Amino acid sequence: MAFVEPLLAQMRESTNAAPPFGPGSGEKQFGEIMDRVL
């Protein structure tokens, strides 16, 4: 929670992929949960 999750969240938020490859609505909605589990 204190070290790894913030790094994953920062990596997820800093993605600048083009629209077909960028995060979809599901990934945006469940991104935090995915970061926590991963």
PDB file of all heavy atoms in Angstrom:
ATOM      1  N   MET A   1       0.819  -1.213   0.000  1.00  0.00           N
ATOM      2  CA  MET A   1       0.000   0.000   0.000  1.00  0.00           C
ATOM      3  C   MET A   1       0.857   1.269   0.000  1.00  0.00           C
ATOM      4  O   MET A   1       0.532   2.224  -0.693  1.00  0.00           O
ATOM      5  CB  MET A   1      -0.909  -0.004   1.235  1.00  0.00           C
ATOM      6  CG  MET A   1      -1.788   1.210   1.352  1.00  0.00           C
ATOM      7  SD  MET A   1      -2.788   1.199   2.850  1.00  0.00           S
ATOM      8  CE  MET A   1      -1.523   1.335   4.105  1.00  0.00           C
ATOM      9  N   ALA A   2       1.933   1.271   0.755  1.00  0.00           N
ATOM     10  CA  ALA A   2       2.712   2.490   0.926  1.00  0.00           C
ATOM     11  C   ALA A   2       3.737   2.734  -0.181  1.00  0.00           C
ATOM     12  O   ALA A   2       4.061   3.886  -0.468  1.00  0.00           O
ATOM     13  CB  ALA A   2       3.426   2.463   2.275  1.00  0.00           C
ATOM     14  N   PHE A   3       4.244   1.673  -0.790  1.00  0.00           N
ATOM     15  CA  PHE A   3       5.326   1.851  -1.747  1.00  0.00           C
ATOM     16  C   PHE A   3       4.992   1.405  -3.169  1.00  0.00           C
ATOM     17  O   PHE A   3       5.244   2.134  -4.128  1.00  0.00           O
ATOM     18  CB  PHE A   3       6.581   1.110  -1.263  1.00  0.00           C
ATOM     19  CG  PHE A   3       7.098   1.635   0.045  1.00  0.00           C
ATOM     20  CD1 PHE A   3       6.946   0.904   1.210  1.00  0.00           C
ATOM     21  CD2 PHE A   3       7.719   2.866   0.116  1.00  0.00           C
ATOM     22  CE1 PHE A   3       7.396   1.384   2.418  1.00  0.00           C
ATOM     23  CE2 PHE A   3       8.177   3.364   1.321  1.00  0.00           C
ATOM     24  CZ  PHE A   3       8.018   2.624   2.479  1.00  0.00           C
ATOM     25  N   VAL A   4       4.452   0.211  -3.324  1.00  0.00           N
ATOM     26  CA  VAL A   4       4.254  -0.343  -4.662  1.00  0.00           C
ATOM     27  C   VAL A   4       3.002   0.221  -5.332  1.00  0.00           C
ATOM     28  O   VAL A   4       3.037   0.601  -6.506  1.00  0.00           O
ATOM     29  CB  VAL A   4       4.205  -1.887  -4.607  1.00  0.00           C
ATOM     30  CG1 VAL A   4       3.981  -2.470  -5.991  1.00  0.00           C
ATOM     31  CG2 VAL A   4       5.495  -2.433  -4.002  1.00  0.00           C
ATOM     32  N   GLU A   5       1.902   0.304  -4.604  1.00  0.00           N
ATOM     33  CA  GLU A   5       0.642   0.791  -5.189  1.00  0.00           C
ATOM     34  C   GLU A   5       0.756   2.210  -5.745  1.00  0.00           C
ATOM     35  O   GLU A   5       0.287   2.471  -6.856  1.00  0.00           O
ATOM     36  CB  GLU A   5      -0.481   0.701  -4.158  1.00  0.00           C
ATOM     37  CG  GLU A   5      -1.847   0.967  -4.725  1.00  0.00           C
ATOM     38  CD  GLU A   5      -2.937   0.758  -3.699  1.00  0.00           C
ATOM     39  OE1 GLU A   5      -2.748  -0.001  -2.735  1.00  0.00           O
ATOM     40  OE2 GLU A   5      -3.995   1.374  -3.873  1.00  0.00           O
ATOM     41  N   PRO A   6       1.388   3.161  -5.041  1.00  0.00           N
ATOM     42  CA  PRO A   6       1.537   4.498  -5.630  1.00  0.00           C
ATOM     43  C   PRO A   6       2.364   4.502  -6.921  1.00  0.00           C
ATOM     44  O   PRO A   6       2.082   5.270  -7.839  1.00  0.00           O
ATOM     45  CB  PRO A   6       2.242   5.306  -4.541  1.00  0.00           C
ATOM     46  CG  PRO A   6       1.927   4.605  -3.277  1.00  0.00           C
ATOM     47  CD  PRO A   6       1.815   3.155  -3.636  1.00  0.00           C
ATOM     48  N   LEU A   7       3.370   3.626  -6.992  1.00  0.00           N
ATOM     49  CA  LEU A   7       4.161   3.539  -8.223  1.00  0.00           C
ATOM     50  C   LEU A   7       3.320   3.025  -9.386  1.00  0.00           C
ATOM     51  O   LEU A   7       3.391   3.548 -10.502  1.00  0.00           O
ATOM     52  CB  LEU A   7       5.370   2.629  -8.015  1.00  0.00           C
ATOM     53  CG  LEU A   7       6.462   3.156  -7.093  1.00  0.00           C
ATOM     54  CD1 LEU A   7       7.516   2.085  -6.861  1.00  0.00           C
ATOM     55  CD2 LEU A   7       7.085   4.408  -7.675  1.00  0.00           C
ATOM     56  N   LEU A   8       2.512   2.002  -9.122  1.00  0.00           N
ATOM     57  CA  LEU A   8       1.640   1.468 -10.174  1.00  0.00           C
ATOM     58  C   LEU A   8       0.613   2.508 -10.610  1.00  0.00           C
ATOM     59  O   LEU A   8       0.329   2.652 -11.798  1.00  0.00           O
ATOM     60  CB  LEU A   8       0.939   0.197  -9.696  1.00  0.00           C
ATOM     61  CG  LEU A   8       1.824  -1.015  -9.453  1.00  0.00           C
ATOM     62  CD1 LEU A   8       1.016  -2.151  -8.859  1.00  0.00           C
ATOM     63  CD2 LEU A   8       2.494  -1.452 -10.747  1.00  0.00           C
ATOM     64  N   ALA A   9       0.059   3.242  -9.654  1.00  0.00           N
ATOM     65  CA  ALA A   9      -0.930   4.278  -9.991  1.00  0.00           C
ATOM     66  C   ALA A   9      -0.294   5.378 -10.837  1.00  0.00           C
ATOM     67  O   ALA A   9      -0.892   5.843 -11.819  1.00  0.00           O
ATOM     68  CB  ALA A   9      -1.519   4.870  -8.717  1.00  0.00           C
ATOM     69  N   GLN A  10       0.916   5.771 -10.481  1.00  0.00           N
ATOM     70  CA  GLN A  10       1.603   6.809 -11.251  1.00  0.00           C
ATOM     71  C   GLN A  10       1.909   6.318 -12.662  1.00  0.00           C
ATOM     72  O   GLN A  10       1.744   7.064 -13.632  1.00  0.00           O
ATOM     73  CB  GLN A  10       2.890   7.212 -10.548  1.00  0.00           C
ATOM     74  CG  GLN A  10       3.595   8.367 -11.215  1.00  0.00           C
ATOM     75  CD  GLN A  10       4.836   8.797 -10.454  1.00  0.00           C
ATOM     76  OE1 GLN A  10       5.256   8.153  -9.493  1.00  0.00           O
ATOM     77  NE2 GLN A  10       5.430   9.892 -10.885  1.00  0.00           N
ATOM     78  N   MET A  11       2.313   5.072 -12.799  1.00  0.00           N
ATOM     79  CA  MET A  11       2.584   4.532 -14.133  1.00  0.00           C
ATOM     80  C   MET A  11       1.307   4.465 -14.969  1.00  0.00           C
ATOM     81  O   MET A  11       1.312   4.803 -16.146  1.00  0.00           O
ATOM     82  CB  MET A  11       3.206   3.130 -14.019  1.00  0.00           C
ATOM     83  CG  MET A  11       4.631   3.148 -13.563  1.00  0.00           C
ATOM     84  SD  MET A  11       5.446   1.539 -13.320  1.00  0.00           S
ATOM     85  CE  MET A  11       4.397   0.353 -14.030  1.00  0.00           C
ATOM     86  N   ARG A  12       0.213   4.052 -14.323  1.00  0.00           N
ATOM     87  CA  ARG A  12      -1.062   3.948 -15.036  1.00  0.00           C
ATOM     88  C   ARG A  12      -1.558   5.323 -15.481  1.00  0.00           C
ATOM     89  O   ARG A  12      -2.047   5.497 -16.589  1.00  0.00           O
ATOM     90  CB  ARG A  12      -2.106   3.274 -14.141  1.00  0.00           C
ATOM     91  CG  ARG A  12      -3.448   3.070 -14.786  1.00  0.00           C
ATOM     92  CD  ARG A  12      -4.418   2.346 -13.885  1.00  0.00           C
ATOM     93  NE  ARG A  12      -4.404   2.753 -12.492  1.00  0.00           N
ATOM     94  CZ  ARG A  12      -5.033   3.829 -12.013  1.00  0.00           C
ATOM     95  NH1 ARG A  12      -5.714   4.598 -12.813  1.00  0.00           N
ATOM     96  NH2 ARG A  12      -4.980   4.132 -10.729  1.00  0.00           N
ATOM     97  N   GLU A  13      -1.411   6.325 -14.630  1.00  0.00           N
ATOM     98  CA  GLU A  13      -1.896   7.664 -14.944  1.00  0.00           C
ATOM     99  C   GLU A  13      -1.021   8.393 -15.959  1.00  0.00           C
ATOM    100  O   GLU A  13      -1.488   9.309 -16.631  1.00  0.00           O
ATOM    101  CB  GLU A  13      -2.000   8.491 -13.667  1.00  0.00           C
ATOM    102  CG  GLU A  13      -3.094   8.006 -12.749  1.00  0.00           C
ATOM    103  CD  GLU A  13      -3.055   8.658 -11.383  1.00  0.00           C
ATOM    104  OE1 GLU A  13      -2.169   9.511 -11.161  1.00  0.00           O
ATOM    105  OE2 GLU A  13      -3.900   8.306 -10.549  1.00  0.00           O
ATOM    106  N   SER A  14       0.229   8.005 -16.082  1.00  0.00           N
ATOM    107  CA  SER A  14       1.133   8.717 -16.977  1.00  0.00           C
ATOM    108  C   SER A  14       1.179   8.148 -18.389  1.00  0.00           C
ATOM    109  O   SER A  14       1.977   8.586 -19.202  1.00  0.00           O
ATOM    110  CB  SER A  14       2.546   8.741 -16.395  1.00  0.00           C
ATOM    111  OG  SER A  14       3.083   7.435 -16.379  1.00  0.00           O
ATOM    112  N   THR A  15       0.312   7.200 -18.692  1.00  0.00           N
ATOM    113  CA  THR A  15       0.300   6.633 -20.037  1.00  0.00           C
ATOM    114  C   THR A  15      -0.275   7.637 -21.030  1.00  0.00           C
ATOM    115  O   THR A  15      -1.271   8.297 -20.760  1.00  0.00           O
ATOM    116  CB  THR A  15      -0.475   5.306 -20.094  1.00  0.00           C
ATOM    117  OG1 THR A  15      -0.360   4.782 -21.407  1.00  0.00           O
ATOM    118  CG2 THR A  15      -1.938   5.474 -19.767  1.00  0.00           C
ATOM    119  N   ASN A  16       0.381   7.782 -22.147  1.00  0.00           N
ATOM    120  CA  ASN A  16      -0.060   8.708 -23.193  1.00  0.00           C
ATOM    121  C   ASN A  16      -0.315   7.959 -24.495  1.00  0.00           C
ATOM    122  O   ASN A  16      -0.012   8.448 -25.575  1.00  0.00           O
ATOM    123  CB  ASN A  16       0.991   9.804 -23.428  1.00  0.00           C
ATOM    124  CG  ASN A  16       1.144  10.704 -22.228  1.00  0.00           C
ATOM    125  OD1 ASN A  16       0.179  10.949 -21.508  1.00  0.00           O
ATOM    126  ND2 ASN A  16       2.342  11.188 -21.981  1.00  0.00           N
ATOM    127  N   ALA A  17      -0.898   6.802 -24.386  1.00  0.00           N
ATOM    128  CA  ALA A  17      -1.152   5.987 -25.561  1.00  0.00           C
ATOM    129  C   ALA A  17      -2.255   6.604 -26.414  1.00  0.00           C
ATOM    130  O   ALA A  17      -3.155   7.275 -25.910  1.00  0.00           O
ATOM    131  CB  ALA A  17      -1.543   4.579 -25.151  1.00  0.00           C
ATOM    132  N   ALA A  18      -2.181   6.355 -27.706  1.00  0.00           N
ATOM    133  CA  ALA A  18      -3.191   6.848 -28.642  1.00  0.00           C
ATOM    134  C   ALA A  18      -4.537   6.186 -28.339  1.00  0.00           C
ATOM    135  O   ALA A  18      -4.591   5.104 -27.755  1.00  0.00           O
ATOM    136  CB  ALA A  18      -2.751   6.537 -30.068  1.00  0.00           C
ATOM    137  N   PRO A  19      -5.649   6.812 -28.735  1.00  0.00           N
ATOM    138  CA  PRO A  19      -6.987   6.320 -28.375  1.00  0.00           C
ATOM    139  C   PRO A  19      -7.260   4.825 -28.581  1.00  0.00           C
ATOM    140  O   PRO A  19      -7.809   4.224 -27.675  1.00  0.00           O
ATOM    141  CB  PRO A  19      -7.911   7.170 -29.235  1.00  0.00           C
ATOM    142  CG  PRO A  19      -7.174   8.441 -29.412  1.00  0.00           C
ATOM    143  CD  PRO A  19      -5.717   8.059 -29.467  1.00  0.00           C
ATOM    144  N   PRO A  20      -6.885   4.194 -29.645  1.00  0.00           N
ATOM    145  CA  PRO A  20      -7.230   2.768 -29.682  1.00  0.00           C
ATOM    146  C   PRO A  20      -6.439   1.942 -28.670  1.00  0.00           C
ATOM    147  O   PRO A  20      -6.851   0.864 -28.280  1.00  0.00           O
ATOM    148  CB  PRO A  20      -6.902   2.323 -31.100  1.00  0.00           C
ATOM    149  CG  PRO A  20      -6.257   3.454 -31.784  1.00  0.00           C
ATOM    150  CD  PRO A  20      -6.311   4.644 -30.895  1.00  0.00           C
ATOM    151  N   PHE A  21      -5.280   2.447 -28.243  1.00  0.00           N
ATOM    152  CA  PHE A  21      -4.429   1.696 -27.328  1.00  0.00           C
ATOM    153  C   PHE A  21      -4.444   2.265 -25.919  1.00  0.00           C
ATOM    154  O   PHE A  21      -3.863   1.693 -25.017  1.00  0.00           O
ATOM    155  CB  PHE A  21      -2.986   1.675 -27.845  1.00  0.00           C
ATOM    156  CG  PHE A  21      -2.884   1.090 -29.210  1.00  0.00           C
ATOM    157  CD1 PHE A  21      -2.649   1.905 -30.306  1.00  0.00           C
ATOM    158  CD2 PHE A  21      -3.053  -0.267 -29.407  1.00  0.00           C
ATOM    159  CE1 PHE A  21      -2.571   1.371 -31.569  1.00  0.00           C
ATOM    160  CE2 PHE A  21      -2.969  -0.804 -30.679  1.00  0.00           C
ATOM    161  CZ  PHE A  21      -2.724   0.016 -31.768  1.00  0.00           C
ATOM    162  N   GLY A  22      -5.095   3.386 -25.726  1.00  0.00           N
ATOM    163  CA  GLY A  22      -5.189   4.019 -24.416  1.00  0.00           C
ATOM    164  C   GLY A  22      -6.150   3.259 -23.514  1.00  0.00           C
ATOM    165  O   GLY A  22      -6.851   2.348 -23.944  1.00  0.00           O
ATOM    166  N   PRO A  23      -6.181   3.642 -22.245  1.00  0.00           N
ATOM    167  CA  PRO A  23      -7.069   2.946 -21.312  1.00  0.00           C
ATOM    168  C   PRO A  23      -8.534   3.169 -21.653  1.00  0.00           C
ATOM    169  O   PRO A  23      -8.948   4.277 -21.979  1.00  0.00           O
ATOM    170  CB  PRO A  23      -6.717   3.560 -19.957  1.00  0.00           C
ATOM    171  CG  PRO A  23      -6.031   4.836 -20.262  1.00  0.00           C
ATOM    172  CD  PRO A  23      -5.416   4.690 -21.616  1.00  0.00           C
ATOM    173  N   GLY A  24      -9.308   2.112 -21.585  1.00  0.00           N
ATOM    174  CA  GLY A  24     -10.738   2.193 -21.842  1.00  0.00           C
ATOM    175  C   GLY A  24     -11.491   2.580 -20.577  1.00  0.00           C
ATOM    176  O   GLY A  24     -10.898   2.814 -19.524  1.00  0.00           O
ATOM    177  N   SER A  25     -12.800   2.622 -20.679  1.00  0.00           N
ATOM    178  CA  SER A  25     -13.602   3.043 -19.528  1.00  0.00           C
ATOM    179  C   SER A  25     -13.499   2.041 -18.380  1.00  0.00           C
ATOM    180  O   SER A  25     -13.483   2.432 -17.219  1.00  0.00           O
ATOM    181  CB  SER A  25     -15.055   3.227 -19.943  1.00  0.00           C
ATOM    182  OG  SER A  25     -15.594   2.000 -20.407  1.00  0.00           O
ATOM    183  N   GLY A  26     -13.414   0.752 -18.691  1.00  0.00           N
ATOM    184  CA  GLY A  26     -13.271  -0.263 -17.652  1.00  0.00           C
ATOM    185  C   GLY A  26     -11.961  -0.128 -16.903  1.00  0.00           C
ATOM    186  O   GLY A  26     -11.914  -0.240 -15.678  1.00  0.00           O
ATOM    187  N   GLU A  27     -10.890   0.097 -17.635  1.00  0.00           N
ATOM    188  CA  GLU A  27      -9.586   0.260 -16.989  1.00  0.00           C
ATOM    189  C   GLU A  27      -9.559   1.528 -16.145  1.00  0.00           C
ATOM    190  O   GLU A  27      -8.977   1.541 -15.063  1.00  0.00           O
ATOM    191  CB  GLU A  27      -8.485   0.317 -18.039  1.00  0.00           C
ATOM    192  CG  GLU A  27      -7.091   0.327 -17.441  1.00  0.00           C
ATOM    193  CD  GLU A  27      -5.999   0.273 -18.474  1.00  0.00           C
ATOM    194  OE1 GLU A  27      -6.295   0.019 -19.659  1.00  0.00           O
ATOM    195  OE2 GLU A  27      -4.838   0.501 -18.109  1.00  0.00           O
ATOM    196  N   LYS A  28     -10.201   2.578 -16.615  1.00  0.00           N
ATOM    197  CA  LYS A  28     -10.263   3.806 -15.826  1.00  0.00           C
ATOM    198  C   LYS A  28     -11.085   3.596 -14.562  1.00  0.00           C
ATOM    199  O   LYS A  28     -10.748   4.091 -13.502  1.00  0.00           O
ATOM    200  CB  LYS A  28     -10.856   4.942 -16.652  1.00  0.00           C
ATOM    201  CG  LYS A  28      -9.915   5.436 -17.735  1.00  0.00           C
ATOM    202  CD  LYS A  28     -10.559   6.525 -18.565  1.00  0.00           C
ATOM    203  CE  LYS A  28      -9.644   6.961 -19.690  1.00  0.00           C
ATOM    204  NZ  LYS A  28     -10.278   7.963 -20.559  1.00  0.00           N
ATOM    205  N   GLN A  29     -12.178   2.847 -14.679  1.00  0.00           N
ATOM    206  CA  GLN A  29     -13.061   2.631 -13.540  1.00  0.00           C
ATOM    207  C   GLN A  29     -12.439   1.706 -12.500  1.00  0.00           C
ATOM    208  O   GLN A  29     -12.555   1.945 -11.305  1.00  0.00           O
ATOM    209  CB  GLN A  29     -14.388   2.042 -14.011  1.00  0.00           C
ATOM    210  CG  GLN A  29     -15.407   1.871 -12.909  1.00  0.00           C
ATOM    211  CD  GLN A  29     -16.739   1.364 -13.433  1.00  0.00           C
ATOM    212  OE1 GLN A  29     -16.875   1.054 -14.606  1.00  0.00           O
ATOM    213  NE2 GLN A  29     -17.716   1.267 -12.559  1.00  0.00           N
ATOM    214  N   PHE A  30     -11.776   0.660 -12.940  1.00  0.00           N
ATOM    215  CA  PHE A  30     -11.241  -0.332 -12.018  1.00  0.00           C
ATOM    216  C   PHE A  30      -9.722  -0.245 -11.862  1.00  0.00           C
ATOM    217  O   PHE A  30      -9.102  -1.140 -11.285  1.00  0.00           O
ATOM    218  CB  PHE A  30     -11.620  -1.739 -12.483  1.00  0.00           C
ATOM    219  CG  PHE A  30     -13.092  -2.003 -12.409  1.00  0.00           C
ATOM    220  CD1 PHE A  30     -13.848  -2.046 -13.560  1.00  0.00           C
ATOM    221  CD2 PHE A  30     -13.714  -2.189 -11.190  1.00  0.00           C
ATOM    222  CE1 PHE A  30     -15.214  -2.282 -13.504  1.00  0.00           C
ATOM    223  CE2 PHE A  30     -15.067  -2.423 -11.119  1.00  0.00           C
ATOM    224  CZ  PHE A  30     -15.825  -2.473 -12.275  1.00  0.00           C
ATOM    225  N   GLY A  31      -9.115   0.821 -12.344  1.00  0.00           N
ATOM    226  CA  GLY A  31      -7.662   0.965 -12.271  1.00  0.00           C
ATOM    227  C   GLY A  31      -7.116   0.930 -10.864  1.00  0.00           C
ATOM    228  O   GLY A  31      -6.097   0.288 -10.594  1.00  0.00           O
ATOM    229  N   GLU A  32      -7.767   1.617  -9.937  1.00  0.00           N
ATOM    230  CA  GLU A  32      -7.286   1.644  -8.557  1.00  0.00           C
ATOM    231  C   GLU A  32      -7.365   0.270  -7.912  1.00  0.00           C
ATOM    232  O   GLU A  32      -6.461  -0.133  -7.175  1.00  0.00           O
ATOM    233  CB  GLU A  32      -8.089   2.654  -7.746  1.00  0.00           C
ATOM    234  CG  GLU A  32      -7.842   4.080  -8.155  1.00  0.00           C
ATOM    235  CD  GLU A  32      -8.689   5.058  -7.356  1.00  0.00           C
ATOM    236  OE1 GLU A  32      -9.118   4.702  -6.241  1.00  0.00           O
ATOM    237  OE2 GLU A  32      -8.903   6.167  -7.848  1.00  0.00           O
ATOM    238  N   ILE A  33      -8.435  -0.448  -8.184  1.00  0.00           N
ATOM    239  CA  ILE A  33      -8.574  -1.795  -7.629  1.00  0.00           C
ATOM    240  C   ILE A  33      -7.507  -2.708  -8.225  1.00  0.00           C
ATOM    241  O   ILE A  33      -6.889  -3.507  -7.523  1.00  0.00           O
ATOM    242  CB  ILE A  33      -9.988  -2.353  -7.885  1.00  0.00           C
ATOM    243  CG1 ILE A  33     -11.018  -1.527  -7.124  1.00  0.00           C
ATOM    244  CG2 ILE A  33     -10.086  -3.819  -7.477  1.00  0.00           C
ATOM    245  CD1 ILE A  33     -12.452  -1.864  -7.455  1.00  0.00           C
ATOM    246  N   MET A  34      -7.269  -2.560  -9.505  1.00  0.00           N
ATOM    247  CA  MET A  34      -6.250  -3.361 -10.164  1.00  0.00           C
ATOM    248  C   MET A  34      -4.869  -3.057  -9.578  1.00  0.00           C
ATOM    249  O   MET A  34      -4.073  -3.972  -9.341  1.00  0.00           O
ATOM    250  CB  MET A  34      -6.264  -3.092 -11.673  1.00  0.00           C
ATOM    251  CG  MET A  34      -5.387  -4.023 -12.464  1.00  0.00           C
ATOM    252  SD  MET A  34      -5.602  -3.829 -14.239  1.00  0.00           S
ATOM    253  CE  MET A  34      -4.749  -2.294 -14.518  1.00  0.00           C
ATOM    254  N   ASP A  35      -4.585  -1.779  -9.317  1.00  0.00           N
ATOM    255  CA  ASP A  35      -3.312  -1.404  -8.703  1.00  0.00           C
ATOM    256  C   ASP A  35      -3.163  -2.056  -7.326  1.00  0.00           C
ATOM    257  O   ASP A  35      -2.105  -2.563  -6.982  1.00  0.00           O
ATOM    258  CB  ASP A  35      -3.199   0.110  -8.550  1.00  0.00           C
ATOM    259  CG  ASP A  35      -3.096   0.833  -9.884  1.00  0.00           C
ATOM    260  OD1 ASP A  35      -2.756   0.181 -10.891  1.00  0.00           O
ATOM    261  OD2 ASP A  35      -3.357   2.051  -9.905  1.00  0.00           O
ATOM    262  N   ARG A  36      -4.238  -2.042  -6.555  1.00  0.00           N
ATOM    263  CA  ARG A  36      -4.204  -2.611  -5.205  1.00  0.00           C
ATOM    264  C   ARG A  36      -3.924  -4.108  -5.250  1.00  0.00           C
ATOM    265  O   ARG A  36      -3.061  -4.621  -4.537  1.00  0.00           O
ATOM    266  CB  ARG A  36      -5.532  -2.337  -4.496  1.00  0.00           C
ATOM    267  CG  ARG A  36      -5.537  -2.766  -3.039  1.00  0.00           C
ATOM    268  CD  ARG A  36      -6.812  -2.363  -2.317  1.00  0.00           C
ATOM    269  NE  ARG A  36      -7.058  -0.944  -2.489  1.00  0.00           N
ATOM    270  CZ  ARG A  36      -8.207  -0.438  -2.949  1.00  0.00           C
ATOM    271  NH1 ARG A  36      -9.200  -1.234  -3.255  1.00  0.00           N
ATOM    272  NH2 ARG A  36      -8.367   0.861  -3.087  1.00  0.00           N
ATOM    273  N   VAL A  37      -4.633  -4.812  -6.103  1.00  0.00           N
ATOM    274  CA  VAL A  37      -4.465  -6.267  -6.192  1.00  0.00           C
ATOM    275  C   VAL A  37      -3.081  -6.619  -6.732  1.00  0.00           C
ATOM    276  O   VAL A  37      -2.386  -7.484  -6.191  1.00  0.00           O
ATOM    277  CB  VAL A  37      -5.570  -6.880  -7.074  1.00  0.00           C
ATOM    278  CG1 VAL A  37      -5.295  -8.339  -7.362  1.00  0.00           C
ATOM    279  CG2 VAL A  37      -6.929  -6.708  -6.420  1.00  0.00           C
ATOM    280  N   LEU A  38      -2.663  -5.938  -7.775  1.00  0.00           N
ATOM    281  CA  LEU A  38      -1.364  -6.222  -8.376  1.00  0.00           C
ATOM    282  C   LEU A  38      -0.218  -5.906  -7.416  1.00  0.00           C
ATOM    283  O   LEU A  38       0.755  -6.664  -7.336  1.00  0.00           O
ATOM    284  CB  LEU A  38      -1.200  -5.442  -9.683  1.00  0.00           C
ATOM    285  CG  LEU A  38       0.053  -5.725 -10.494  1.00  0.00           C
ATOM    286  CD1 LEU A  38       0.116  -7.201 -10.877  1.00  0.00           C
ATOM    287  CD2 LEU A  38       0.070  -4.866 -11.747  1.00  0.00           C
TER     288      LEU A  38
END
